C-alpha atoms as a PDB file:
ATOM      1  CA  MET A   1       0.000   0.000   0.000  1.00  0.00           C
ATOM      2  CA  ALA A   2       2.836   2.390   0.830  1.00  0.00           C
ATOM      3  CA  ALA A   3       4.401   1.713  -2.574  1.00  0.00           C
ATOM      4  CA  VAL A   4       1.182   2.719  -4.316  1.00  0.00           C
ATOM      5  CA  LEU A   5       0.939   5.941  -2.305  1.00  0.00           C
ATOM      6  CA  THR A   6       4.573   6.748  -3.105  1.00  0.00           C
ATOM      7  CA  TRP A   7       3.970   6.112  -6.794  1.00  0.00           C
ATOM      8  CA  VAL A   8       0.851   8.295  -6.779  1.00  0.00           C
ATOM      9  CA  ALA A   9       2.725  11.122  -5.048  1.00  0.00           C
ATOM     10  CA  GLN A  10       5.624  10.893  -7.510  1.00  0.00           C
ATOM     11  CA  ARG A  11       3.227  10.780 -10.440  1.00  0.00           C
ATOM     12  CA  ARG A  12       1.401  13.840  -9.127  1.00  0.00           C
ATOM     13  CA  VAL A  13       4.667  15.795  -8.885  1.00  0.00           C
ATOM     14  CA  MET A  14       5.641  14.734 -12.406  1.00  0.00           C
ATOM     15  CA  LEU A  15       2.255  15.686 -13.836  1.00  0.00           C
ATOM     16  CA  THR A  16       2.358  19.038 -12.043  1.00  0.00           C
ATOM     17  CA  ASP A  17       5.759  19.755 -13.597  1.00  0.00           C
ATOM     18  CA  GLN A  18       4.483  18.745 -17.028  1.00  0.00           C
ATOM     19  CA  GLY A  19       1.440  20.966 -16.574  1.00  0.00           C
ATOM     20  CA  GLU A  20       3.626  23.948 -15.731  1.00  0.00           C
ATOM     21  CA  GLN A  21       5.843  23.300 -18.760  1.00  0.00           C
ATOM     22  CA  LEU A  22       2.827  22.974 -21.057  1.00  0.00           C
ATOM     23  CA  GLY A  23       1.414  26.195 -19.638  1.00  0.00           C
ATOM     24  CA  LYS A  24       4.658  27.996 -20.510  1.00  0.00           C
ATOM     25  CA  GLU A  25       4.641  26.527 -24.027  1.00  0.00           C
ATOM     26  CA  LEU A  26       1.018  27.576 -24.497  1.00  0.00           C
ATOM     27  CA  ALA A  27       1.824  31.121 -23.416  1.00  0.00           C
ATOM     28  CA  GLN A  28       4.706  31.243 -25.910  1.00  0.00           C
ATOM     29  CA  ALA A  29       2.487  29.928 -28.719  1.00  0.00           C
ATOM     30  CA  GLN A  30      -0.218  32.468 -27.894  1.00  0.00           C
ATOM     31  CA  ALA A  31       2.371  35.258 -27.959  1.00  0.00           C
ATOM     32  CA  GLU A  32       3.618  34.087 -31.366  1.00  0.00           C
ATOM     33  CA  VAL A  33       0.065  34.116 -32.723  1.00  0.00           C
ATOM     34  CA  ALA A  34      -0.702  37.498 -31.190  1.00  0.00           C
ATOM     35  CA  ARG A  35       2.299  39.270 -32.777  1.00  0.00           C
ATOM     36  CA  PRO A  36       1.145  38.982 -36.421  1.00  0.00           C
ATOM     37  CA  ALA A  37      -2.418  39.794 -35.409  1.00  0.00           C
ATOM     38  CA  ALA A  38      -1.259  42.912 -33.582  1.00  0.00           C
ATOM     39  CA  ALA A  39       0.904  43.916 -36.548  1.00  0.00           C
ATOM     40  CA  ALA A  40      -2.045  43.533 -38.914  1.00  0.00           C
ATOM     41  CA  ALA A  41      -4.253  45.549 -36.592  1.00  0.00           C
ATOM     42  CA  ALA A  42      -1.608  48.270 -36.541  1.00  0.00           C
ATOM     43  CA  GLY A  43      -1.555  48.332 -40.347  1.00  0.00           C
ATOM     44  CA  ARG A  44       1.703  46.467 -40.820  1.00  0.00           C
ATOM     45  CA  CYS A  45       2.306  43.116 -42.448  1.00  0.00           C
ATOM     46  CA  PRO A  46       5.899  42.080 -41.635  1.00  0.00           C
ATOM     47  CA  ALA A  47       5.610  38.783 -43.498  1.00  0.00           C
ATOM     48  CA  ARG A  48       5.017  40.627 -46.770  1.00  0.00           C
ATOM     49  CA  GLY A  49       7.284  43.587 -46.045  1.00  0.00           C
ATOM     50  CA  THR A  50       4.495  46.050 -46.748  1.00  0.00           C
ATOM     51  CA  SER A  51       2.791  48.671 -44.678  1.00  0.00           C
ATOM     52  CA  ALA A  52      -0.692  47.194 -45.047  1.00  0.00           C
ATOM     53  CA  PRO A  53      -2.186  43.711 -45.033  1.00  0.00           C
ATOM     54  CA  PRO A  54      -3.026  42.240 -48.435  1.00  0.00           C
ATOM     55  CA  SER A  55      -6.417  42.895 -49.957  1.00  0.00           C
ATOM     56  CA  ALA A  56      -8.726  40.103 -51.063  1.00  0.00           C
ATOM     57  CA  ALA A  57      -7.659  40.702 -54.663  1.00  0.00           C
ATOM     58  CA  GLU A  58      -4.005  40.356 -53.703  1.00  0.00           C
ATOM     59  CA  HIS A  59      -4.773  37.117 -51.854  1.00  0.00           C
ATOM     60  CA  ALA A  60      -6.564  35.767 -54.909  1.00  0.00           C
ATOM     61  CA  GLU A  61      -3.752  36.839 -57.242  1.00  0.00           C
ATOM     62  CA  GLU A  62      -1.107  35.204 -55.044  1.00  0.00           C
ATOM     63  CA  ALA A  63      -3.177  32.007 -54.828  1.00  0.00           C
ATOM     64  CA  LEU A  64      -3.591  31.890 -58.611  1.00  0.00           C
ATOM     65  CA  GLU A  65       0.143  32.405 -59.091  1.00  0.00           C
ATOM     66  CA  ARG A  66       0.907  29.521 -56.702  1.00  0.00           C
ATOM     67  CA  ILE A  67      -1.593  27.255 -58.450  1.00  0.00           C
ATOM     68  CA  ALA A  68      -0.225  28.152 -61.880  1.00  0.00           C
ATOM     69  CA  ALA A  69       3.315  27.448 -60.695  1.00  0.00           C
ATOM     70  CA  GLU A  70       2.246  24.023 -59.415  1.00  0.00           C
ATOM     71  CA  VAL A  71       0.139  23.040 -62.438  1.00  0.00           C
ATOM     72  CA  ALA A  72       2.321  24.373 -65.287  1.00  0.00           C
ATOM     73  CA  PRO A  73       5.064  21.733 -64.927  1.00  0.00           C
ATOM     74  CA  ARG A  74       2.460  18.962 -65.012  1.00  0.00           C
ATOM     75  CA  LEU A  75       0.988  20.256 -68.258  1.00  0.00           C
ATOM     76  CA  ALA A  76       4.334  20.503 -70.032  1.00  0.00           C
END
């Protein structure tokens, strides 16, 4: 019985440590997601190197360019 209680106590400590580590990782991931969103809200788009986020037309144009680049070699 004492062995089971010892195991449970050790397991609890291990799971508490894992929970703390996962909490830190979650906070880091949330910060990474928040940075681009904050940049877009501020009118900047660092991924594209422009001062404004892309318009719907620009998104569509970029998507069509990617599709054309993928399909063209298959058609040749």
